Amino acid sequence: MKFSEILDPKALRIEAYDADHFRISGQVFAHAVLLLPPAEVQPWRSGPASTITGADLEPLFNARPQVILIGTGANHCMPPPSLMAAATERGIGIEWMRTGAACRTYNLLASEGRRVATGLLLEHD
């Protein structure tokens, strides 16, 4: 049986990340980013994940993805119930995880052609 990676050629690809940088489709970013479908990178808010508000998530909701991933930095934190409810009301799945896990999950879902929006905090945020 052959296994091969099938990539959507239009999708962004997170090629590398560390505590201070992301390399996404050949570009380096030294700040938190939003990855919005179909293939847009925007700067995002910085600061701890525990301070994320509904306003911070609006660009992700407005992209109308199937799922939203939030990379919370080096540590996992649980989102406030109000943010989970906001996603549920819109019929959008939302997952909070450490940034490394969010990067890997984003690449997997995007390579499958899924409409995924992602907010990534740097690990030092």
Protein backbone atom coordinates (compact mmCIF):
# COMPACT_ATOMS: atom_id res chain seq x y z
CA MET A 1 0.00 0.00 0.00
CA LYS A 2 1.35 3.42 -0.90
CA PHE A 3 0.99 6.41 1.37
CA SER A 4 1.69 9.82 -0.02
CA GLU A 5 0.98 13.33 1.11
CA ILE A 6 -1.61 15.08 -1.03
CA LEU A 7 -1.30 18.82 -0.71
CA ASP A 8 -3.77 21.40 -1.87
CA PRO A 9 -1.48 23.58 -4.01
CA LYS A 10 -3.42 26.71 -2.97
CA ALA A 11 -3.11 26.07 0.77
CA LEU A 12 -0.63 27.81 3.02
CA ARG A 13 2.01 25.54 4.50
CA ILE A 14 3.62 26.03 7.91
CA GLU A 15 7.18 24.99 7.15
CA ALA A 16 8.80 25.78 10.50
CA TYR A 17 8.15 27.41 13.83
CA ASP A 18 10.03 28.11 17.05
CA ALA A 19 9.43 30.26 20.11
CA ASP A 20 9.97 33.49 18.15
CA HIS A 21 9.12 32.85 14.46
CA PHE A 22 6.88 31.10 11.96
CA ARG A 23 7.91 30.27 8.38
CA ILE A 24 4.75 30.00 6.32
CA SER A 25 4.93 29.29 2.59
CA GLY A 26 8.42 30.75 2.41
CA GLN A 27 7.78 33.91 4.45
CA VAL A 28 9.08 34.46 8.00
CA PHE A 29 6.86 36.09 10.63
CA ALA A 30 8.14 37.24 14.03
CA HIS A 31 4.68 37.89 15.45
CA ALA A 32 1.41 36.09 16.09
CA VAL A 33 -0.50 35.33 12.89
CA LEU A 34 -3.90 34.44 11.50
CA LEU A 35 -4.07 31.94 8.64
CA LEU A 36 -7.32 32.51 6.81
CA PRO A 37 -8.70 30.48 3.93
CA PRO A 38 -8.09 30.23 1.12
CA ALA A 39 -4.48 31.46 1.55
CA GLU A 40 -4.07 34.65 3.57
CA VAL A 41 -1.71 35.43 6.45
CA GLN A 42 -2.44 38.43 8.68
CA PRO A 43 -0.78 39.74 11.83
CA TRP A 44 -2.69 38.87 15.00
CA ARG A 45 -2.81 40.09 18.58
CA SER A 46 -0.07 39.19 20.99
CA GLY A 47 -0.30 38.37 24.66
CA PRO A 48 -1.35 35.33 26.62
CA ALA A 49 -4.04 33.06 25.22
CA SER A 50 -6.04 33.58 28.40
CA THR A 51 -6.77 37.15 27.23
CA ILE A 52 -8.23 36.21 23.81
CA THR A 53 -11.62 37.84 23.31
CA GLY A 54 -14.50 37.40 20.90
CA ALA A 55 -13.24 40.44 18.97
CA ASP A 56 -9.88 38.67 18.49
CA LEU A 57 -11.71 35.71 16.93
CA GLU A 58 -13.96 37.72 14.57
CA PRO A 59 -11.59 37.53 11.57
CA LEU A 60 -11.50 33.74 12.03
CA PHE A 61 -15.30 33.49 12.27
CA ASN A 62 -15.71 35.79 9.25
CA ALA A 63 -13.59 33.43 7.13
CA ARG A 64 -16.40 30.85 7.51
CA PRO A 65 -14.13 27.86 8.06
CA GLN A 66 -15.15 24.32 8.90
CA VAL A 67 -12.87 24.46 11.92
CA ILE A 68 -10.81 27.03 13.81
CA LEU A 69 -7.54 26.13 15.50
CA ILE A 70 -6.06 28.35 18.20
CA GLY A 71 -2.37 27.89 18.97
CA THR A 72 -2.05 29.02 22.59
CA GLY A 73 1.75 29.33 22.77
CA ALA A 74 3.95 26.98 24.80
CA ASN A 75 1.19 26.07 27.24
CA HIS A 76 -2.31 24.78 26.68
CA CYS A 77 -5.15 26.77 28.19
CA MET A 78 -8.87 26.28 28.14
CA PRO A 79 -10.97 28.90 26.37
CA PRO A 80 -13.74 30.76 28.17
CA PRO A 81 -17.13 29.09 27.67
CA SER A 82 -18.39 32.25 25.95
CA LEU A 83 -15.86 31.82 23.11
CA MET A 84 -16.76 28.17 22.67
CA ALA A 85 -20.45 29.16 22.58
CA ALA A 86 -19.75 31.84 19.96
CA ALA A 87 -18.23 29.20 17.67
CA THR A 88 -21.05 26.73 18.34
CA GLU A 89 -23.67 29.38 17.52
CA ARG A 90 -22.01 29.81 14.12
CA GLY A 91 -21.76 26.07 13.48
CA ILE A 92 -17.94 26.18 13.51
CA GLY A 93 -15.74 23.73 15.37
CA ILE A 94 -13.00 25.32 17.46
CA GLU A 95 -9.99 23.66 19.08
CA TRP A 96 -7.43 25.19 21.43
CA MET A 97 -4.01 23.54 21.65
CA ARG A 98 -0.34 24.36 22.06
CA THR A 99 1.07 26.22 19.06
CA GLY A 100 3.22 23.31 17.89
CA ALA A 101 0.21 20.99 17.83
CA ALA A 102 -1.87 23.66 16.07
CA CYS A 103 0.79 24.03 13.36
CA ARG A 104 0.88 20.28 12.72
CA THR A 105 -2.92 19.99 12.77
CA TYR A 106 -3.28 22.95 10.41
CA ASN A 107 -0.92 21.37 7.88
CA LEU A 108 -2.78 18.08 8.01
CA LEU A 109 -6.25 19.62 7.60
CA ALA A 110 -5.13 22.07 4.90
CA SER A 111 -3.42 19.28 2.96
CA GLU A 112 -6.75 17.43 2.95
CA GLY A 113 -8.42 20.46 1.38
CA ARG A 114 -10.34 21.34 4.55
CA ARG A 115 -11.36 24.96 5.07
CA VAL A 116 -9.42 25.72 8.24
CA ALA A 117 -8.71 29.08 9.90
CA THR A 118 -5.99 29.35 12.51
CA GLY A 119 -4.74 31.84 15.07
CA LEU A 120 -1.18 31.17 16.21
CA LEU A 121 0.51 32.79 19.19
CA LEU A 122 4.25 32.63 19.48
CA GLU A 123 5.48 30.42 22.28
CA HIS A 124 6.82 33.38 24.28
CA ASP A 125 3.44 35.23 24.20
